[in-house]
Amino acid sequence: MRIALCNEVVASLDFAEQARLAAALGYDGLEVAPFTLDAEAPHLLPKARRAELRRIAESEGAPITSLHWLLVAPAGLSITSADSTIRTQTLDVMQRLVGLAADLGATLLVHGSPKQRHLAAEGDAARAEDAMAQAGAWAAQHGVTYCLEPLDAGQTNWARTVAEAVEIVTRIGSPGLRTMLDVSAAGNGEEDSAATLLRRHIPGGQIAHVHLNDRNRRAPGQGGDPFRPVLDALQDTRYAGFCAVEPFDYQPDGRTSAARAIGYLRGILEA
């Protein structure tokens, strides 16, 4: 089990400083939000820039492990829209982001992007599922994993629980497609605890990634959620993937939030 830092937490720093700080604090890598690399069209980053970013991260000791917040840029994307132009553009961006992940050395992509998966009309769910199927096929071609992220009902109306996401992923049956668990979303939307869900689904291989955050949207250790049961579940099930620290409310600031989170988590693991 390795712990990465979601890079938007320290996005005010340039990329080399992000990687340097993450490594210095004790993180094993960076999970990157593509819009932090290019606010308009991250899927079109030139090959030379991709190679440079990968080299920087690896040389600073925090290699790029994964990508998330995939459909923030360019604006207007949707995996559910019936508009053929929007759908074509969205699928093109997703395919190119899979290639970007592989070029950056990442092994995994996390598809959260709640605003870009909203169900509003008949056929939307089928279109969303078809997009996941295509993403899984592209991921398999590149040797990476594409994860459908369950998000609670306060954020989306599609794939709101781990069970729903597992059902979708199982029905599609692509070797490149899995689901994951976000501790905050699970705490706000699941009947069972995050630890229980991990123990249930990691052994079967359904969960390929974990986001560590508190239900109050702050970092682990900055709220009321206990993380020892979560880490115990990961260790007991011999989870060998990455966890990523993903707060949304950086208190008192990004650097301190990142530092406090890794200290708290490493303390539990060492104890």
Protein backbone atom coordinates (compact mmCIF):
# COMPACT_ATOMS: atom_id res chain seq x y z
CA MET A 1 0.00 0.00 0.00
CA ARG A 2 1.40 3.34 -1.08
CA ILE A 3 0.10 6.85 -0.45
CA ALA A 4 -0.01 9.60 -3.08
CA LEU A 5 -0.95 13.26 -2.78
CA CYS A 6 -3.55 14.76 -5.11
CA ASN A 7 -1.59 17.57 -6.69
CA GLU A 8 -4.37 20.18 -6.76
CA VAL A 9 -3.91 20.47 -2.99
CA VAL A 10 -0.65 22.31 -3.69
CA ALA A 11 -1.48 23.62 -7.16
CA SER A 12 -0.17 27.08 -6.25
CA LEU A 13 3.34 25.62 -6.56
CA ASP A 14 4.96 24.85 -9.88
CA PHE A 15 4.99 21.17 -10.79
CA ALA A 16 8.55 20.45 -9.72
CA GLU A 17 7.87 22.02 -6.32
CA GLN A 18 4.70 19.93 -5.97
CA ALA A 19 6.65 16.73 -6.52
CA ARG A 20 9.53 17.85 -4.31
CA LEU A 21 7.21 18.76 -1.45
CA ALA A 22 5.22 15.53 -1.73
CA ALA A 23 8.39 13.44 -1.55
CA ALA A 24 9.81 15.48 1.33
CA LEU A 25 6.61 15.00 3.34
CA GLY A 26 6.69 11.24 2.86
CA TYR A 27 4.26 10.65 0.00
CA ASP A 28 5.05 7.94 -2.54
CA GLY A 29 3.79 9.85 -5.55
CA LEU A 30 1.40 12.37 -7.06
CA GLU A 31 -2.14 11.87 -8.30
CA VAL A 32 -2.59 14.55 -10.92
CA ALA A 33 -5.67 16.51 -11.95
CA PRO A 34 -5.10 17.15 -15.69
CA PHE A 35 -6.52 20.68 -15.53
CA THR A 36 -3.58 21.65 -13.28
CA LEU A 37 -1.26 20.86 -16.19
CA ASP A 38 -3.28 22.78 -18.78
CA ALA A 39 -6.46 24.63 -17.89
CA GLU A 40 -7.90 24.45 -21.42
CA ALA A 41 -6.84 21.21 -23.13
CA PRO A 42 -4.71 18.90 -20.97
CA HIS A 43 -5.48 15.94 -23.25
CA LEU A 44 -3.50 17.71 -25.99
CA LEU A 45 -0.28 18.20 -24.04
CA PRO A 46 2.67 17.78 -26.43
CA LYS A 47 4.71 14.59 -26.16
CA ALA A 48 7.78 16.55 -25.11
CA ARG A 49 5.91 18.17 -22.21
CA ARG A 50 4.57 14.80 -21.11
CA ALA A 51 8.07 13.36 -21.04
CA GLU A 52 9.33 16.41 -19.14
CA LEU A 53 6.60 16.14 -16.47
CA ARG A 54 7.27 12.44 -16.01
CA ARG A 55 11.00 13.05 -15.69
CA ILE A 56 10.49 15.87 -13.18
CA ALA A 57 8.16 13.86 -10.96
CA GLU A 58 10.36 10.79 -10.98
CA SER A 59 13.57 12.73 -10.37
CA GLU A 60 12.00 14.56 -7.42
CA GLY A 61 10.95 11.26 -5.85
CA ALA A 62 7.17 11.55 -6.35
CA PRO A 63 6.28 9.79 -9.63
CA ILE A 64 2.87 10.34 -11.17
CA THR A 65 0.69 7.46 -10.03
CA SER A 66 -2.74 8.31 -11.38
CA LEU A 67 -5.02 10.96 -12.90
CA HIS A 68 -8.35 12.21 -11.55
CA TRP A 69 -10.87 15.05 -12.10
CA LEU A 70 -10.72 13.95 -15.72
CA LEU A 71 -13.46 15.96 -17.43
CA VAL A 72 -13.03 19.41 -15.90
CA ALA A 73 -11.29 20.71 -19.02
CA PRO A 74 -12.15 21.44 -21.71
CA ALA A 75 -15.50 22.82 -20.63
CA GLY A 76 -18.84 21.35 -21.67
CA LEU A 77 -18.04 17.62 -21.62
CA SER A 78 -20.60 14.96 -20.72
CA ILE A 79 -20.73 11.16 -20.83
CA THR A 80 -24.55 11.26 -20.77
CA SER A 81 -25.40 13.91 -23.36
CA ALA A 82 -27.40 12.84 -26.42
CA ASP A 83 -25.79 15.66 -28.41
CA SER A 84 -23.53 13.89 -30.91
CA THR A 85 -20.96 16.70 -30.99
CA ILE A 86 -20.61 16.79 -27.22
CA ARG A 87 -20.43 13.01 -27.03
CA THR A 88 -17.79 12.73 -29.74
CA GLN A 89 -15.66 15.38 -28.05
CA THR A 90 -16.07 13.78 -24.62
CA LEU A 91 -15.06 10.33 -25.80
CA ASP A 92 -12.11 11.79 -27.70
CA VAL A 93 -10.91 13.57 -24.54
CA MET A 94 -11.30 10.40 -22.48
CA GLN A 95 -9.32 8.35 -24.97
CA ARG A 96 -6.57 10.94 -25.12
CA LEU A 97 -6.43 11.18 -21.31
CA VAL A 98 -5.82 7.44 -21.14
CA GLY A 99 -2.86 7.98 -23.46
CA LEU A 100 -1.73 10.92 -21.35
CA ALA A 101 -1.79 8.77 -18.22
CA ALA A 102 0.36 6.11 -19.89
CA ASP A 103 2.83 8.72 -21.16
CA LEU A 104 3.13 10.26 -17.68
CA GLY A 105 3.89 6.86 -16.14
CA ALA A 106 0.57 6.61 -14.31
CA THR A 107 -1.09 3.23 -13.91
CA LEU A 108 -4.63 4.37 -13.20
CA LEU A 109 -7.32 6.96 -13.99
CA VAL A 110 -10.17 7.88 -11.64
CA HIS A 111 -13.44 8.92 -13.27
CA GLY A 112 -15.32 11.07 -10.79
CA SER A 113 -16.39 14.23 -12.64
CA PRO A 114 -19.92 14.38 -11.17
CA LYS A 115 -21.19 17.33 -13.20
CA GLN A 116 -20.27 15.57 -16.44
CA ARG A 117 -22.27 12.40 -15.68
CA HIS A 118 -25.65 13.76 -14.60
CA LEU A 119 -28.69 11.76 -15.70
CA ALA A 120 -31.42 14.04 -17.04
CA ALA A 121 -33.24 12.03 -19.72
CA GLU A 122 -34.02 8.55 -20.95
CA GLY A 123 -30.95 6.92 -22.43
CA ASP A 124 -28.46 8.88 -20.33
CA ALA A 125 -27.52 5.89 -18.16
CA ALA A 126 -26.91 3.71 -21.20
CA ARG A 127 -24.69 6.38 -22.72
CA ALA A 128 -22.73 6.69 -19.47
CA GLU A 129 -22.21 2.94 -19.31
CA ASP A 130 -21.12 2.80 -22.93
CA ALA A 131 -18.55 5.53 -22.24
CA MET A 132 -17.17 3.45 -19.36
CA ALA A 133 -16.96 0.40 -21.60
CA GLN A 134 -14.97 2.32 -24.19
CA ALA A 135 -12.71 3.79 -21.51
CA GLY A 136 -12.03 0.32 -20.13
CA ALA A 137 -11.07 -0.92 -23.60
CA TRP A 138 -8.71 2.03 -24.16
CA ALA A 139 -7.16 1.51 -20.74
CA ALA A 140 -6.53 -2.17 -21.45
CA GLN A 141 -4.79 -1.24 -24.71
CA HIS A 142 -2.42 1.07 -22.78
CA GLY A 143 -1.87 -1.28 -19.85
CA VAL A 144 -3.54 1.02 -17.32
CA THR A 145 -6.74 0.80 -15.26
CA TYR A 146 -9.76 3.08 -15.59
CA CYS A 147 -11.79 3.41 -12.38
CA LEU A 148 -15.41 4.46 -12.11
CA GLU A 149 -15.62 6.44 -8.86
CA PRO A 150 -18.83 6.09 -6.82
CA LEU A 151 -19.92 9.50 -5.55
CA ASP A 152 -22.70 10.20 -3.08
CA ALA A 153 -26.15 11.48 -4.01
CA GLY A 154 -25.18 15.02 -3.06
CA GLN A 155 -22.81 15.03 -6.04
CA THR A 156 -24.36 12.84 -8.72
CA ASN A 157 -27.35 10.68 -9.60
CA TRP A 158 -25.40 7.91 -11.35
CA ALA A 159 -23.09 5.30 -9.74
CA ARG A 160 -23.69 6.66 -6.24
CA THR A 161 -22.56 3.64 -4.23
CA VAL A 162 -19.82 1.05 -4.46
CA ALA A 163 -22.47 -1.62 -5.10
CA GLU A 164 -23.87 0.35 -8.06
CA ALA A 165 -20.40 0.89 -9.49
CA VAL A 166 -19.46 -2.77 -9.02
CA GLU A 167 -22.65 -3.78 -10.82
CA ILE A 168 -21.84 -1.50 -13.75
CA VAL A 169 -18.20 -2.61 -13.98
CA THR A 170 -19.14 -6.29 -13.68
CA ARG A 171 -21.78 -5.98 -16.40
CA ILE A 172 -19.27 -4.35 -18.76
CA GLY A 173 -16.63 -6.97 -17.98
CA SER A 174 -13.60 -5.11 -19.31
CA PRO A 175 -10.18 -6.05 -17.87
CA GLY A 176 -9.22 -2.37 -17.97
CA LEU A 177 -12.22 -1.17 -15.95
CA ARG A 178 -12.58 -1.27 -12.17
CA THR A 179 -14.15 0.78 -9.41
CA MET A 180 -12.67 2.43 -6.32
CA LEU A 181 -13.66 3.89 -2.97
CA ASP A 182 -13.65 7.49 -1.80
CA VAL A 183 -13.83 7.54 2.00
CA SER A 184 -15.69 10.86 2.15
CA ALA A 185 -18.28 9.83 -0.44
CA ALA A 186 -18.72 6.46 1.26
CA GLY A 187 -19.24 8.15 4.61
CA ASN A 188 -21.90 10.40 3.14
CA GLY A 189 -23.73 7.85 1.02
CA GLU A 190 -23.19 4.23 2.03
CA GLU A 191 -25.03 2.11 4.56
CA ASP A 192 -21.84 0.19 5.36
CA SER A 193 -18.58 1.72 6.56
CA ALA A 194 -15.66 2.31 4.24
CA ALA A 195 -13.70 -0.39 6.05
CA THR A 196 -16.51 -2.92 5.55
CA LEU A 197 -16.76 -2.10 1.85
CA LEU A 198 -13.00 -2.48 1.41
CA ARG A 199 -13.01 -5.86 3.11
CA ARG A 200 -15.90 -6.96 0.90
CA HIS A 201 -14.61 -5.83 -2.48
CA ILE A 202 -10.79 -5.78 -2.44
CA PRO A 203 -10.41 -9.58 -2.32
CA GLY A 204 -12.50 -9.92 -5.49
CA GLY A 205 -10.47 -7.27 -7.30
CA GLN A 206 -13.33 -4.84 -7.83
CA ILE A 207 -11.68 -1.97 -5.92
CA ALA A 208 -8.45 -0.80 -7.52
CA HIS A 209 -7.93 2.55 -5.82
CA VAL A 210 -8.80 4.50 -2.67
CA HIS A 211 -9.23 8.21 -1.91
CA LEU A 212 -8.53 9.18 1.69
CA ASN A 213 -10.54 12.14 2.96
CA ASP A 214 -12.92 12.97 5.80
CA ARG A 215 -16.67 13.42 5.46
CA ASN A 216 -16.13 17.10 6.33
CA ARG A 217 -14.12 17.29 3.06
CA ARG A 218 -10.88 17.96 4.85
CA ALA A 219 -7.81 15.74 5.02
CA PRO A 220 -7.58 12.57 7.12
CA GLY A 221 -7.03 13.55 10.74
CA GLN A 222 -8.86 16.86 10.36
CA GLY A 223 -12.35 15.60 11.11
CA GLY A 224 -14.32 13.03 13.03
CA ASP A 225 -13.76 9.99 10.81
CA PRO A 226 -11.41 7.35 12.26
CA PHE A 227 -8.94 6.09 9.68
CA ARG A 228 -7.42 3.21 11.62
CA PRO A 229 -10.27 0.86 10.55
CA VAL A 230 -9.75 1.91 6.93
CA LEU A 231 -6.00 1.30 7.02
CA ASP A 232 -6.48 -1.96 8.94
CA ALA A 233 -8.87 -3.15 6.24
CA LEU A 234 -6.37 -2.28 3.52
CA GLN A 235 -3.56 -4.11 5.30
CA ASP A 236 -5.67 -7.13 6.22
CA THR A 237 -6.82 -7.57 2.62
CA ARG A 238 -3.21 -7.18 1.37
CA TYR A 239 -4.13 -4.17 -0.74
CA ALA A 240 -1.09 -3.37 -2.89
CA GLY A 241 -2.35 -0.38 -4.83
CA PHE A 242 -2.22 3.34 -4.20
CA CYS A 243 -4.28 5.44 -1.83
CA ALA A 244 -4.46 9.15 -2.60
CA VAL A 245 -5.02 11.92 -0.07
CA GLU A 246 -7.77 14.07 -1.57
CA PRO A 247 -9.13 16.81 0.68
CA PHE A 248 -11.31 19.51 -0.83
CA ASP A 249 -11.14 22.03 2.02
CA TYR A 250 -7.49 22.84 2.65
CA GLN A 251 -7.13 23.93 6.24
CA PRO A 252 -5.30 26.07 7.09
CA ASP A 253 -3.66 25.85 3.64
CA GLY A 254 -2.64 23.24 1.10
CA ARG A 255 0.89 22.61 2.36
CA THR A 256 -0.21 22.20 5.97
CA SER A 257 -3.17 20.04 5.03
CA ALA A 258 -0.90 17.72 3.03
CA ALA A 259 1.67 17.57 5.82
CA ARG A 260 -0.84 16.87 8.55
CA ALA A 261 -2.54 14.13 6.53
CA ILE A 262 0.57 12.11 5.78
CA GLY A 263 1.82 12.46 9.35
CA TYR A 264 -1.49 11.20 10.68
CA LEU A 265 -1.66 8.27 8.26
CA ARG A 266 1.98 7.22 8.67
CA GLY A 267 1.53 7.39 12.43
CA ILE A 268 -1.34 4.92 12.26
CA LEU A 269 0.60 2.59 9.98
CA GLU A 270 3.73 2.67 12.15
CA ALA A 271 1.72 2.06 15.32
